[in-house]
Amino acid sequence: MRCYMFKDKKMIRFGLWLFAFLSVIQFTIGYIKGYYKSSTGNELLISETWKTVLLDVPKGILVILGAIALYQFTKKTPEKTASM
């Protein structure tokens, strides 16, 4: 039985792009919160709706893409029988 890595490279590229996008968003939010607190002394409150839209939804999509990629990675193809 053979196990092929990934046949759909577009999905892998999209997942990596989404991961990089999430990292940039998280860094930007943390940076803005830190800058706001150091300059004003107050906490910056970000709406739960925006946190959900910017972070939680893409994380869910990334988890689903990871599950699909794992399934494709572990899926075994039937061996061709050699005819004599």
N, C-alpha and C. Protein backbone atom coordinates (compact mmCIF):
# COMPACT_ATOMS: atom_id res chain seq x y z
N MET A 1 0.84 -1.18 0.00
CA MET A 1 0.00 0.00 0.00
C MET A 1 0.88 1.24 0.00
N ARG A 2 0.50 2.18 -0.82
CA ARG A 2 1.27 3.42 -0.92
C ARG A 2 0.48 4.56 -0.29
N CYS A 3 1.19 5.46 0.27
CA CYS A 3 0.56 6.64 0.87
C CYS A 3 1.12 7.87 0.16
N TYR A 4 0.28 8.55 -0.57
CA TYR A 4 0.72 9.74 -1.29
C TYR A 4 0.65 10.94 -0.35
N MET A 5 1.61 11.82 -0.49
CA MET A 5 1.63 13.00 0.39
C MET A 5 0.36 13.83 0.22
N PHE A 6 0.37 14.76 -0.65
CA PHE A 6 -0.80 15.60 -0.86
C PHE A 6 -0.97 15.82 -2.35
N LYS A 7 -2.15 15.58 -2.81
CA LYS A 7 -2.42 15.78 -4.23
C LYS A 7 -2.90 17.20 -4.50
N ASP A 8 -3.50 17.82 -3.53
CA ASP A 8 -4.07 19.15 -3.73
C ASP A 8 -3.15 20.20 -3.09
N LYS A 9 -2.22 20.71 -3.87
CA LYS A 9 -1.26 21.68 -3.34
C LYS A 9 -1.90 23.04 -3.07
N LYS A 10 -3.00 23.35 -3.76
CA LYS A 10 -3.68 24.63 -3.54
C LYS A 10 -4.20 24.72 -2.11
N MET A 11 -4.70 23.61 -1.59
CA MET A 11 -5.22 23.61 -0.23
C MET A 11 -4.09 23.86 0.77
N ILE A 12 -2.93 23.27 0.53
CA ILE A 12 -1.80 23.46 1.42
C ILE A 12 -1.35 24.93 1.38
N ARG A 13 -1.27 25.49 0.18
CA ARG A 13 -0.88 26.90 0.05
C ARG A 13 -1.87 27.81 0.76
N PHE A 14 -3.16 27.53 0.60
CA PHE A 14 -4.18 28.34 1.25
C PHE A 14 -4.07 28.23 2.77
N GLY A 15 -3.83 27.02 3.27
CA GLY A 15 -3.67 26.83 4.71
C GLY A 15 -2.46 27.59 5.26
N LEU A 16 -1.35 27.55 4.53
CA LEU A 16 -0.17 28.29 4.97
C LEU A 16 -0.41 29.80 4.92
N TRP A 17 -1.10 30.26 3.87
CA TRP A 17 -1.43 31.68 3.77
C TRP A 17 -2.33 32.09 4.93
N LEU A 18 -3.31 31.25 5.25
CA LEU A 18 -4.23 31.55 6.35
C LEU A 18 -3.50 31.59 7.68
N PHE A 19 -2.56 30.66 7.89
CA PHE A 19 -1.78 30.64 9.12
C PHE A 19 -0.94 31.92 9.24
N ALA A 20 -0.30 32.33 8.16
CA ALA A 20 0.50 33.56 8.18
C ALA A 20 -0.39 34.77 8.44
N PHE A 21 -1.56 34.79 7.82
CA PHE A 21 -2.51 35.89 8.02
C PHE A 21 -2.94 35.96 9.48
N LEU A 22 -3.24 34.82 10.09
CA LEU A 22 -3.63 34.80 11.50
C LEU A 22 -2.51 35.29 12.40
N SER A 23 -1.29 34.89 12.10
CA SER A 23 -0.15 35.33 12.90
C SER A 23 0.02 36.84 12.82
N VAL A 24 -0.12 37.40 11.63
CA VAL A 24 0.00 38.85 11.47
C VAL A 24 -1.12 39.58 12.21
N ILE A 25 -2.34 39.07 12.12
CA ILE A 25 -3.48 39.70 12.82
C ILE A 25 -3.26 39.66 14.33
N GLN A 26 -2.85 38.50 14.86
CA GLN A 26 -2.63 38.40 16.30
C GLN A 26 -1.51 39.34 16.75
N PHE A 27 -0.43 39.40 15.98
CA PHE A 27 0.67 40.30 16.33
C PHE A 27 0.20 41.75 16.31
N THR A 28 -0.54 42.12 15.28
CA THR A 28 -1.01 43.50 15.15
C THR A 28 -1.93 43.89 16.30
N ILE A 29 -2.85 43.01 16.66
CA ILE A 29 -3.75 43.29 17.79
C ILE A 29 -2.95 43.44 19.08
N GLY A 30 -2.01 42.54 19.32
CA GLY A 30 -1.19 42.64 20.52
C GLY A 30 -0.34 43.90 20.55
N TYR A 31 0.21 44.26 19.40
CA TYR A 31 1.03 45.48 19.32
C TYR A 31 0.20 46.72 19.59
N ILE A 32 -0.97 46.80 18.98
CA ILE A 32 -1.84 47.97 19.18
C ILE A 32 -2.30 48.06 20.63
N LYS A 33 -2.65 46.92 21.23
CA LYS A 33 -3.07 46.93 22.63
C LYS A 33 -1.93 47.40 23.54
N GLY A 34 -0.73 46.89 23.29
CA GLY A 34 0.43 47.30 24.09
C GLY A 34 0.77 48.76 23.92
N TYR A 35 0.73 49.24 22.70
CA TYR A 35 1.02 50.65 22.43
C TYR A 35 -0.03 51.55 23.08
N TYR A 36 -1.28 51.17 22.98
CA TYR A 36 -2.36 51.98 23.56
C TYR A 36 -2.22 52.03 25.08
N LYS A 37 -1.89 50.88 25.69
CA LYS A 37 -1.76 50.84 27.15
C LYS A 37 -0.56 51.66 27.61
N SER A 38 0.55 51.58 26.88
CA SER A 38 1.74 52.33 27.30
C SER A 38 1.56 53.84 27.10
N SER A 39 0.80 54.23 26.09
CA SER A 39 0.65 55.67 25.84
C SER A 39 -0.45 56.31 26.68
N THR A 40 -1.52 55.57 26.98
CA THR A 40 -2.63 56.16 27.74
C THR A 40 -2.76 55.60 29.14
N GLY A 41 -2.23 54.42 29.38
CA GLY A 41 -2.39 53.80 30.69
C GLY A 41 -3.68 53.02 30.83
N ASN A 42 -4.51 53.02 29.80
CA ASN A 42 -5.79 52.31 29.84
C ASN A 42 -5.72 51.08 28.93
N GLU A 43 -6.57 50.12 29.26
CA GLU A 43 -6.67 48.93 28.41
C GLU A 43 -7.51 49.23 27.18
N LEU A 44 -7.11 48.70 26.06
CA LEU A 44 -7.89 48.82 24.83
C LEU A 44 -8.84 47.63 24.77
N LEU A 45 -10.13 47.92 24.69
CA LEU A 45 -11.12 46.86 24.61
C LEU A 45 -11.49 46.61 23.16
N ILE A 46 -11.33 45.37 22.76
CA ILE A 46 -11.70 44.98 21.40
C ILE A 46 -12.97 44.14 21.50
N SER A 47 -13.92 44.47 20.69
CA SER A 47 -15.21 43.79 20.70
C SER A 47 -15.04 42.29 20.46
N GLU A 48 -15.85 41.49 21.15
CA GLU A 48 -15.81 40.04 20.95
C GLU A 48 -16.19 39.67 19.52
N THR A 49 -17.04 40.48 18.91
CA THR A 49 -17.43 40.22 17.52
C THR A 49 -16.22 40.31 16.61
N TRP A 50 -15.39 41.34 16.79
CA TRP A 50 -14.21 41.49 15.96
C TRP A 50 -13.19 40.40 16.22
N LYS A 51 -13.05 39.99 17.49
CA LYS A 51 -12.14 38.88 17.79
C LYS A 51 -12.61 37.61 17.10
N THR A 52 -13.92 37.39 17.11
CA THR A 52 -14.47 36.20 16.46
C THR A 52 -14.23 36.25 14.96
N VAL A 53 -14.51 37.39 14.35
CA VAL A 53 -14.37 37.51 12.90
C VAL A 53 -12.91 37.42 12.48
N LEU A 54 -12.02 38.09 13.21
CA LEU A 54 -10.62 38.16 12.79
C LEU A 54 -9.80 36.94 13.18
N LEU A 55 -10.16 36.27 14.28
CA LEU A 55 -9.31 35.18 14.76
C LEU A 55 -10.00 33.82 14.81
N ASP A 56 -11.17 33.75 15.40
CA ASP A 56 -11.79 32.45 15.63
C ASP A 56 -12.29 31.78 14.36
N VAL A 57 -12.92 32.54 13.48
CA VAL A 57 -13.42 31.94 12.23
C VAL A 57 -12.27 31.42 11.37
N PRO A 58 -11.20 32.22 11.13
CA PRO A 58 -10.09 31.66 10.35
C PRO A 58 -9.41 30.48 11.02
N LYS A 59 -9.36 30.47 12.36
CA LYS A 59 -8.77 29.32 13.06
C LYS A 59 -9.61 28.07 12.81
N GLY A 60 -10.93 28.22 12.82
CA GLY A 60 -11.80 27.08 12.53
C GLY A 60 -11.58 26.56 11.12
N ILE A 61 -11.44 27.48 10.17
CA ILE A 61 -11.18 27.06 8.79
C ILE A 61 -9.84 26.35 8.70
N LEU A 62 -8.84 26.86 9.42
CA LEU A 62 -7.52 26.23 9.41
C LEU A 62 -7.57 24.83 10.01
N VAL A 63 -8.36 24.63 11.05
CA VAL A 63 -8.50 23.30 11.64
C VAL A 63 -9.16 22.34 10.65
N ILE A 64 -10.19 22.81 9.96
CA ILE A 64 -10.86 21.96 8.97
C ILE A 64 -9.90 21.60 7.84
N LEU A 65 -9.14 22.58 7.35
CA LEU A 65 -8.16 22.29 6.29
C LEU A 65 -7.10 21.31 6.78
N GLY A 66 -6.69 21.44 8.03
CA GLY A 66 -5.72 20.50 8.59
C GLY A 66 -6.28 19.10 8.68
N ALA A 67 -7.56 18.98 9.04
CA ALA A 67 -8.19 17.66 9.11
C ALA A 67 -8.29 17.03 7.72
N ILE A 68 -8.64 17.84 6.72
CA ILE A 68 -8.72 17.32 5.35
C ILE A 68 -7.34 16.89 4.87
N ALA A 69 -6.32 17.70 5.16
CA ALA A 69 -4.96 17.35 4.75
C ALA A 69 -4.49 16.08 5.44
N LEU A 70 -4.81 15.93 6.72
CA LEU A 70 -4.43 14.72 7.44
C LEU A 70 -5.13 13.50 6.86
N TYR A 71 -6.39 13.66 6.52
CA TYR A 71 -7.13 12.55 5.90
C TYR A 71 -6.49 12.17 4.56
N GLN A 72 -6.15 13.17 3.75
CA GLN A 72 -5.52 12.87 2.47
C GLN A 72 -4.15 12.23 2.66
N PHE A 73 -3.44 12.63 3.70
CA PHE A 73 -2.11 12.08 3.95
C PHE A 73 -2.19 10.62 4.37
N THR A 74 -3.20 10.28 5.16
CA THR A 74 -3.29 8.92 5.68
C THR A 74 -4.11 7.99 4.79
N LYS A 75 -4.80 8.55 3.80
CA LYS A 75 -5.61 7.72 2.91
C LYS A 75 -4.70 6.84 2.08
N LYS A 76 -5.02 5.58 2.02
CA LYS A 76 -4.21 4.64 1.27
C LYS A 76 -4.91 4.29 -0.02
N THR A 77 -4.13 4.21 -1.07
CA THR A 77 -4.70 3.84 -2.35
C THR A 77 -4.52 2.35 -2.55
N PRO A 78 -5.49 1.70 -3.18
CA PRO A 78 -5.36 0.26 -3.40
C PRO A 78 -4.23 -0.02 -4.39
N GLU A 79 -3.49 -1.06 -4.08
CA GLU A 79 -2.40 -1.44 -4.97
C GLU A 79 -2.96 -2.10 -6.22
N LYS A 80 -2.29 -1.85 -7.31
CA LYS A 80 -2.69 -2.51 -8.55
C LYS A 80 -2.11 -3.92 -8.54
N THR A 81 -2.95 -4.86 -8.89
CA THR A 81 -2.46 -6.23 -8.93
C THR A 81 -1.75 -6.47 -10.25
N ALA A 82 -0.64 -7.11 -10.17
CA ALA A 82 0.14 -7.40 -11.37
C ALA A 82 -0.46 -8.62 -12.06
N SER A 83 -0.79 -8.45 -13.31
CA SER A 83 -1.35 -9.58 -14.05
C SER A 83 -0.22 -10.39 -14.66
N MET A 84 -0.37 -11.70 -14.61
CA MET A 84 0.68 -12.58 -15.10
C MET A 84 0.40 -13.04 -16.48
